[in-house]
C-alpha atoms as a PDB file:
ATOM      1  CA  MET A   1       5.311 -35.510 148.721  1.00  0.00           C
ATOM      2  CA  VAL A   2       7.060 -37.558 151.044  1.00  0.00           C
ATOM      3  CA  LEU A   3       9.747 -35.619 153.104  1.00  0.00           C
ATOM      4  CA  SER A   4      13.037 -36.509 152.985  1.00  0.00           C
ATOM      5  CA  GLU A   5      15.754 -35.922 155.696  1.00  0.00           C
ATOM      6  CA  ARG A   6      16.894 -33.024 154.129  1.00  0.00           C
ATOM      7  CA  HIS A   7      13.739 -31.633 153.860  1.00  0.00           C
ATOM      8  CA  ARG A   8      13.174 -32.265 157.714  1.00  0.00           C
ATOM      9  CA  GLU A   9      16.625 -30.878 158.344  1.00  0.00           C
ATOM     10  CA  VAL A  10      15.920 -27.393 156.544  1.00  0.00           C
ATOM     11  CA  LEU A  11      12.589 -27.253 158.046  1.00  0.00           C
ATOM     12  CA  ARG A  12      13.993 -27.940 161.892  1.00  0.00           C
ATOM     13  CA  HIS A  13      16.781 -24.808 161.182  1.00  0.00           C
ATOM     14  CA  THR A  14      13.773 -22.856 159.854  1.00  0.00           C
ATOM     15  CA  LEU A  15      12.502 -23.472 163.189  1.00  0.00           C
ATOM     16  CA  GLY A  16      15.366 -23.279 165.006  1.00  0.00           C
ATOM     17  CA  LEU A  17      14.999 -26.839 166.632  1.00  0.00           C
ATOM     18  CA  LYS A  18      16.935 -29.867 167.367  1.00  0.00           C
ATOM     19  CA  LYS A  19      16.590 -32.906 166.020  1.00  0.00           C
ATOM     20  CA  ASP A  20      14.292 -34.115 168.461  1.00  0.00           C
ATOM     21  CA  GLY A  21      11.646 -31.345 168.011  1.00  0.00           C
ATOM     22  CA  GLY A  22      10.492 -29.321 170.903  1.00  0.00           C
ATOM     23  CA  ASP A  23       9.348 -25.636 171.183  1.00  0.00           C
ATOM     24  CA  ALA A  24      10.340 -23.319 167.639  1.00  0.00           C
ATOM     25  CA  TRP A  25      12.062 -20.242 168.779  1.00  0.00           C
ATOM     26  CA  ARG A  26      12.108 -18.815 165.146  1.00  0.00           C
ATOM     27  CA  ASN A  27      10.265 -19.235 161.934  1.00  0.00           C
ATOM     28  CA  TYR A  28      12.792 -17.671 159.024  1.00  0.00           C
ATOM     29  CA  PHE A  29      14.649 -19.153 156.698  1.00  0.00           C
ATOM     30  CA  VAL A  30      16.601 -16.466 153.919  1.00  0.00           C
ATOM     31  CA  ALA A  31      17.789 -17.230 150.681  1.00  0.00           C
ATOM     32  CA  SER A  32      18.453 -15.668 147.785  1.00  0.00           C
ATOM     33  CA  GLU A  33      18.889 -17.551 144.109  1.00  0.00           C
ATOM     34  CA  GLY A  34      21.473 -19.831 143.918  1.00  0.00           C
ATOM     35  CA  HIS A  35      21.673 -20.884 147.373  1.00  0.00           C
ATOM     36  CA  THR A  36      22.439 -24.648 147.893  1.00  0.00           C
ATOM     37  CA  ASP A  37      19.209 -25.015 149.794  1.00  0.00           C
ATOM     38  CA  MET A  38      16.751 -23.183 147.133  1.00  0.00           C
ATOM     39  CA  PRO A  39      15.870 -26.659 145.152  1.00  0.00           C
ATOM     40  CA  VAL A  40      14.890 -28.242 148.836  1.00  0.00           C
ATOM     41  CA  LEU A  41      12.854 -24.559 150.080  1.00  0.00           C
ATOM     42  CA  ASN A  42      11.221 -24.588 146.473  1.00  0.00           C
ATOM     43  CA  GLU A  43       9.915 -27.671 147.269  1.00  0.00           C
ATOM     44  CA  LEU A  44       8.703 -27.253 150.333  1.00  0.00           C
ATOM     45  CA  LEU A  45       6.913 -24.270 149.036  1.00  0.00           C
ATOM     46  CA  VAL A  46       5.587 -26.050 146.300  1.00  0.00           C
ATOM     47  CA  ALA A  47       4.013 -28.706 149.194  1.00  0.00           C
ATOM     48  CA  ASP A  48       2.683 -25.730 151.158  1.00  0.00           C
ATOM     49  CA  TYR A  49       5.118 -26.681 153.813  1.00  0.00           C
ATOM     50  CA  MET A  50       6.759 -23.207 153.540  1.00  0.00           C
ATOM     51  CA  ALA A  51       5.259 -19.919 152.360  1.00  0.00           C
ATOM     52  CA  VAL A  52       7.531 -17.142 151.134  1.00  0.00           C
ATOM     53  CA  ARG A  53       8.142 -13.111 150.484  1.00  0.00           C
ATOM     54  CA  ASP A  54      10.099 -10.788 149.111  1.00  0.00           C
ATOM     55  CA  ASN A  55      13.073 -10.352 152.665  1.00  0.00           C
ATOM     56  CA  PRO A  56      12.024  -6.860 153.856  1.00  0.00           C
ATOM     57  CA  GLY A  57      15.652  -6.652 155.795  1.00  0.00           C
ATOM     58  CA  GLY A  58      17.363  -6.848 151.816  1.00  0.00           C
ATOM     59  CA  SER A  59      17.824  -9.460 149.070  1.00  0.00           C
ATOM     60  CA  GLY A  60      17.091 -12.574 148.483  1.00  0.00           C
ATOM     61  CA  TYR A  61      13.353 -14.251 150.210  1.00  0.00           C
ATOM     62  CA  LEU A  62      12.206 -14.536 153.271  1.00  0.00           C
ATOM     63  CA  PHE A  63      10.715 -18.363 153.578  1.00  0.00           C
ATOM     64  CA  ARG A  64       8.447 -19.253 156.654  1.00  0.00           C
ATOM     65  CA  ALA A  65       7.459 -22.867 157.685  1.00  0.00           C
ATOM     66  CA  THR A  66       3.386 -23.379 157.541  1.00  0.00           C
ATOM     67  CA  ASP A  67       1.072 -25.121 160.259  1.00  0.00           C
ATOM     68  CA  LYS A  68       1.701 -28.048 157.868  1.00  0.00           C
ATOM     69  CA  GLY A  69       5.438 -27.567 157.759  1.00  0.00           C
ATOM     70  CA  ARG A  70       5.543 -27.137 161.870  1.00  0.00           C
ATOM     71  CA  GLU A  71       3.597 -30.245 162.465  1.00  0.00           C
ATOM     72  CA  ALA A  72       5.922 -32.302 160.057  1.00  0.00           C
ATOM     73  CA  VAL A  73       8.940 -31.665 162.168  1.00  0.00           C
ATOM     74  CA  GLY A  74       6.647 -31.846 165.601  1.00  0.00           C
ATOM     75  CA  ALA A  75       7.278 -28.427 166.392  1.00  0.00           C
ATOM     76  CA  GLY A  76       5.716 -26.919 168.834  1.00  0.00           C
ATOM     77  CA  VAL A  77       5.546 -22.832 168.739  1.00  0.00           C
ATOM     78  CA  ARG A  78       5.798 -20.801 171.868  1.00  0.00           C
ATOM     79  CA  LYS A  79       3.953 -18.153 172.303  1.00  0.00           C
ATOM     80  CA  THR A  80       5.802 -14.591 172.193  1.00  0.00           C
ATOM     81  CA  PRO A  81       4.480 -11.811 174.433  1.00  0.00           C
ATOM     82  CA  ASN A  82       4.034 -10.223 171.277  1.00  0.00           C
ATOM     83  CA  ALA A  83       2.305 -12.287 169.328  1.00  0.00           C
END
């Protein structure tokens, strides 16, 4: 899969990144059926740039960038004290 600019934007948003990369400060994107980015999220999921599970905080789905997704946008991941 060739990532479009929109795929990269969604990955960066998921990770809390600016356009130039840097350290990720989060790793989640919550969306429900009908969300405008659901088609993009599903494409990223199928290509293993994202993983998904039911949202433990409520409705919808909780998407997370995989290592492949983080690498695709040049994201370093900060280690938190609880990690």
